[in-house]
C-alpha atoms as a PDB file:
ATOM      1  CA  PHE A   1      32.746  35.900  49.565  1.00  0.00           C
ATOM      2  CA  LYS A   2      35.606  38.046  49.241  1.00  0.00           C
ATOM      3  CA  ASP A   3      38.531  35.862  50.011  1.00  0.00           C
ATOM      4  CA  ILE A   4      40.590  37.492  53.484  1.00  0.00           C
ATOM      5  CA  THR A   5      44.034  36.862  51.914  1.00  0.00           C
ATOM      6  CA  PRO A   6      43.284  38.070  47.657  1.00  0.00           C
ATOM      7  CA  HIS A   7      45.596  36.580  45.505  1.00  0.00           C
ATOM      8  CA  ALA A   8      43.643  38.434  42.501  1.00  0.00           C
ATOM      9  CA  PRO A   9      42.021  41.987  42.130  1.00  0.00           C
ATOM     10  CA  LEU A  10      38.427  39.392  41.980  1.00  0.00           C
ATOM     11  CA  HIS A  11      38.761  37.165  44.573  1.00  0.00           C
ATOM     12  CA  LEU A  12      36.475  35.575  45.121  1.00  0.00           C
ATOM     13  CA  LEU A  13      34.797  32.007  47.113  1.00  0.00           C
ATOM     14  CA  VAL A  14      31.899  29.999  47.206  1.00  0.00           C
ATOM     15  CA  ILE A  15      31.107  27.839  49.832  1.00  0.00           C
ATOM     16  CA  PRO A  16      28.370  25.407  50.127  1.00  0.00           C
ATOM     17  CA  LEU A  17      26.243  24.863  53.508  1.00  0.00           C
ATOM     18  CA  ARG A  18      27.312  20.926  53.174  1.00  0.00           C
ATOM     19  CA  HIS A  19      30.052  20.048  54.644  1.00  0.00           C
ATOM     20  CA  ILE A  20      32.575  18.514  52.254  1.00  0.00           C
ATOM     21  CA  ALA A  21      36.437  18.329  53.986  1.00  0.00           C
ATOM     22  CA  THR A  22      38.046  17.182  50.537  1.00  0.00           C
ATOM     23  CA  LEU A  23      37.360  16.751  47.069  1.00  0.00           C
ATOM     24  CA  SER A  24      38.415  13.867  47.893  1.00  0.00           C
ATOM     25  CA  ASP A  25      35.537  12.988  50.120  1.00  0.00           C
ATOM     26  CA  ALA A  26      33.372  13.691  47.422  1.00  0.00           C
ATOM     27  CA  HIS A  27      30.997  10.722  45.902  1.00  0.00           C
ATOM     28  CA  PRO A  28      28.702  10.523  42.921  1.00  0.00           C
ATOM     29  CA  GLU A  29      25.996  12.017  44.262  1.00  0.00           C
ATOM     30  CA  ASP A  30      28.135  14.811  45.309  1.00  0.00           C
ATOM     31  CA  ALA A  31      27.596  16.318  41.031  1.00  0.00           C
ATOM     32  CA  GLU A  32      24.958  18.091  41.488  1.00  0.00           C
ATOM     33  CA  LEU A  33      26.834  20.381  43.861  1.00  0.00           C
ATOM     34  CA  PHE A  34      29.541  20.759  42.636  1.00  0.00           C
ATOM     35  CA  GLY A  35      28.013  21.836  38.522  1.00  0.00           C
ATOM     36  CA  LYS A  36      26.802  24.159  41.274  1.00  0.00           C
ATOM     37  CA  LEU A  37      29.531  26.050  42.577  1.00  0.00           C
ATOM     38  CA  MET A  38      31.167  25.979  39.266  1.00  0.00           C
ATOM     39  CA  VAL A  39      27.830  27.697  37.413  1.00  0.00           C
ATOM     40  CA  THR A  40      27.599  30.458  40.992  1.00  0.00           C
ATOM     41  CA  GLY A  41      31.713  30.843  40.544  1.00  0.00           C
ATOM     42  CA  ALA A  42      31.297  31.714  36.775  1.00  0.00           C
ATOM     43  CA  ARG A  43      28.024  34.255  37.494  1.00  0.00           C
ATOM     44  CA  LEU A  44      29.947  35.753  40.129  1.00  0.00           C
ATOM     45  CA  ALA A  45      32.523  36.264  38.127  1.00  0.00           C
ATOM     46  CA  ILE A  46      29.919  37.884  35.018  1.00  0.00           C
ATOM     47  CA  ASP A  47      28.898  39.800  37.612  1.00  0.00           C
ATOM     48  CA  ALA A  48      31.505  41.548  38.755  1.00  0.00           C
ATOM     49  CA  GLY A  49      33.034  42.470  35.017  1.00  0.00           C
ATOM     50  CA  HIS A  50      35.061  39.848  34.655  1.00  0.00           C
ATOM     51  CA  GLY A  51      33.451  36.891  32.024  1.00  0.00           C
ATOM     52  CA  PRO A  52      35.105  38.965  28.808  1.00  0.00           C
ATOM     53  CA  GLY A  53      38.616  39.399  30.181  1.00  0.00           C
ATOM     54  CA  GLY A  54      38.525  36.107  31.965  1.00  0.00           C
ATOM     55  CA  TYR A  55      38.751  33.825  35.131  1.00  0.00           C
ATOM     56  CA  ARG A  56      40.093  31.046  36.660  1.00  0.00           C
ATOM     57  CA  VAL A  57      38.131  28.887  39.159  1.00  0.00           C
ATOM     58  CA  VAL A  58      40.321  26.410  41.356  1.00  0.00           C
ATOM     59  CA  MET A  59      39.370  24.178  44.066  1.00  0.00           C
ATOM     60  CA  ASN A  60      42.151  23.129  46.687  1.00  0.00           C
ATOM     61  CA  ALA A  61      42.816  19.745  47.799  1.00  0.00           C
ATOM     62  CA  GLY A  62      44.122  18.830  50.747  1.00  0.00           C
ATOM     63  CA  PRO A  63      47.646  20.262  52.003  1.00  0.00           C
ATOM     64  CA  ASN A  64      50.007  20.137  49.493  1.00  0.00           C
ATOM     65  CA  ALA A  65      47.451  21.804  46.935  1.00  0.00           C
ATOM     66  CA  GLY A  66      47.741  23.996  49.594  1.00  0.00           C
ATOM     67  CA  GLN A  67      43.804  23.166  50.932  1.00  0.00           C
ATOM     68  CA  SER A  68      44.040  25.384  53.933  1.00  0.00           C
ATOM     69  CA  VAL A  69      40.388  25.329  55.316  1.00  0.00           C
ATOM     70  CA  TYR A  70      38.509  21.798  55.432  1.00  0.00           C
ATOM     71  CA  HIS A  71      35.277  23.290  54.322  1.00  0.00           C
ATOM     72  CA  VAL A  72      35.810  22.067  50.146  1.00  0.00           C
ATOM     73  CA  HIS A  73      35.264  25.740  48.558  1.00  0.00           C
ATOM     74  CA  LEU A  74      35.311  27.645  45.045  1.00  0.00           C
ATOM     75  CA  HIS A  75      38.621  30.512  44.910  1.00  0.00           C
ATOM     76  CA  VAL A  76      37.327  32.717  41.851  1.00  0.00           C
ATOM     77  CA  LEU A  77      39.744  34.727  40.436  1.00  0.00           C
ATOM     78  CA  GLY A  78      40.328  37.290  37.698  1.00  0.00           C
ATOM     79  CA  GLY A  79      41.208  40.704  37.111  1.00  0.00           C
ATOM     80  CA  ARG A  80      44.236  40.835  35.767  1.00  0.00           C
ATOM     81  CA  GLN A  81      47.062  37.960  33.758  1.00  0.00           C
ATOM     82  CA  LEU A  82      46.808  35.097  35.587  1.00  0.00           C
ATOM     83  CA  ALA A  83      50.424  32.881  35.315  1.00  0.00           C
ATOM     84  CA  TRP A  84      50.493  28.693  34.138  1.00  0.00           C
ATOM     85  CA  PRO A  85      51.682  26.258  36.192  1.00  0.00           C
ATOM     86  CA  PRO A  86      50.717  27.727  39.160  1.00  0.00           C
ATOM     87  CA  GLY A  87      51.884  27.962  42.399  1.00  0.00           C
END
């Protein structure tokens, strides 16, 4: 999905069907799901042409990290030089 308030030219969300409110609620048996989220995010960035220049994948966990939707999701950002540290 495209983020409704993008922070970069490419800003996609990868959202699993299974509900987990935040990364802090994940368990070891969720590792495969989170691995699939990462690989899916990478494939989306590469397929959108952002592989050579690079891209960022990030998951916010909790209010201090900026999480506002309490269903885990991965942000995929690219298309410009991304600042570090973020925030």
